[in-house]
Amino acid sequence: MYTIYVKFDCLPQKREAFIEKVKETGVLDAIRNEDGCIRYDYYLSEKDPNELLLIEQWESKQHQQIHIEQPHMDTLRSFKNDYITNTILGEVELK
């Protein structure tokens, strides 16, 4: 299993709007239906109202690499900057 985290710094009061946009555009469902996707979930920081954490789990790193090239990821990238100011990506080992 391949697990990554993505920490987003959102524009003030845009965190929930970003999640809604990902859902209403169909991007979230498309990602979750991709071959090899085990988990793709957003988590809200209780301490920082502008911080958003994404945990992605894939059957393999190859599945995740194919994921980032999908057309719905272009859709996500087309509006991401309207909500997000900074992105930090990392790998973790979760069981």
Protein backbone atom coordinates (compact mmCIF):
# COMPACT_ATOMS: atom_id res chain seq x y z
CA MET A 1 0.00 0.00 0.00
CA TYR A 2 1.22 3.52 -0.86
CA THR A 3 0.11 6.39 1.39
CA ILE A 4 0.70 10.09 0.96
CA TYR A 5 -0.50 13.16 2.77
CA VAL A 6 -1.17 16.57 1.32
CA LYS A 7 -1.37 19.56 3.65
CA PHE A 8 -3.21 22.50 2.13
CA ASP A 9 -3.12 26.06 3.42
CA CYS A 10 -6.42 27.53 2.32
CA LEU A 11 -7.38 31.12 1.76
CA PRO A 12 -9.33 32.49 4.75
CA GLN A 13 -12.78 30.92 4.98
CA LYS A 14 -12.27 28.93 1.75
CA ARG A 15 -11.53 25.48 3.21
CA GLU A 16 -15.09 24.13 3.18
CA ALA A 17 -15.80 25.82 -0.16
CA PHE A 18 -12.83 23.96 -1.69
CA ILE A 19 -14.13 20.61 -0.47
CA GLU A 20 -17.59 21.42 -1.82
CA LYS A 21 -16.12 22.38 -5.21
CA VAL A 22 -14.21 19.08 -5.38
CA LYS A 23 -17.46 17.26 -4.66
CA GLU A 24 -19.82 19.25 -6.91
CA THR A 25 -17.51 18.99 -9.93
CA GLY A 26 -17.48 15.20 -9.60
CA VAL A 27 -13.72 15.14 -9.00
CA LEU A 28 -13.99 13.43 -5.61
CA ASP A 29 -16.18 10.60 -6.89
CA ALA A 30 -13.97 10.15 -9.95
CA ILE A 31 -10.86 9.84 -7.79
CA ARG A 32 -12.46 7.43 -5.36
CA ASN A 33 -13.55 5.26 -8.30
CA GLU A 34 -10.08 5.06 -9.82
CA ASP A 35 -8.41 1.69 -10.09
CA GLY A 36 -6.20 1.16 -7.03
CA CYS A 37 -7.71 3.89 -4.84
CA ILE A 38 -8.15 2.64 -1.28
CA ARG A 39 -8.75 5.96 0.49
CA TYR A 40 -9.00 9.60 -0.51
CA ASP A 41 -10.23 11.59 2.49
CA TYR A 42 -10.02 15.18 3.68
CA TYR A 43 -9.52 16.05 7.36
CA LEU A 44 -10.12 19.43 8.94
CA SER A 45 -7.79 20.98 11.49
CA GLU A 46 -9.58 21.85 14.71
CA LYS A 47 -6.84 24.36 15.57
CA ASP A 48 -6.38 26.14 12.22
CA PRO A 49 -9.55 26.98 10.24
CA ASN A 50 -7.48 27.43 7.06
CA GLU A 51 -5.66 24.10 7.18
CA LEU A 52 -6.83 21.01 5.32
CA LEU A 53 -5.22 17.58 5.28
CA LEU A 54 -5.71 14.98 2.57
CA ILE A 55 -4.81 11.33 3.11
CA GLU A 56 -4.50 9.22 -0.03
CA GLN A 57 -3.98 5.46 0.01
CA TRP A 58 -3.33 3.52 -3.16
CA GLU A 59 -2.63 -0.11 -3.90
CA SER A 60 0.77 0.97 -5.27
CA LYS A 61 2.83 4.03 -6.13
CA GLN A 62 2.12 3.28 -9.79
CA HIS A 63 -1.64 3.63 -9.17
CA GLN A 64 -1.05 7.03 -7.57
CA GLN A 65 1.15 8.14 -10.46
CA ILE A 66 -1.57 7.19 -12.96
CA HIS A 67 -4.07 9.08 -10.77
CA ILE A 68 -2.28 12.43 -11.08
CA GLU A 69 -2.48 12.20 -14.90
CA GLN A 70 -6.25 11.71 -15.04
CA PRO A 71 -8.47 14.36 -16.73
CA HIS A 72 -10.39 15.04 -13.51
CA MET A 73 -7.10 16.07 -11.88
CA ASP A 74 -6.79 18.76 -14.57
CA THR A 75 -10.23 19.93 -13.46
CA LEU A 76 -9.05 20.10 -9.85
CA ARG A 77 -5.92 22.00 -10.84
CA SER A 78 -8.05 24.49 -12.81
CA PHE A 79 -9.73 25.80 -9.65
CA LYS A 80 -7.31 24.87 -6.86
CA ASN A 81 -5.59 28.27 -6.76
CA ASP A 82 -8.92 29.96 -6.08
CA TYR A 83 -8.92 28.24 -2.67
CA ILE A 84 -5.39 27.07 -1.81
CA THR A 85 -2.28 29.19 -1.14
CA ASN A 86 0.27 26.47 -0.34
CA THR A 87 0.58 22.70 -0.66
CA ILE A 88 2.96 20.35 1.15
CA LEU A 89 3.16 16.72 0.05
CA GLY A 90 4.75 13.81 1.86
CA GLU A 91 4.78 10.04 2.12
CA VAL A 92 3.90 8.15 5.27
CA GLU A 93 3.66 4.54 6.26
CA LEU A 94 0.20 3.73 7.58
CA LYS A 95 -1.18 0.28 8.20
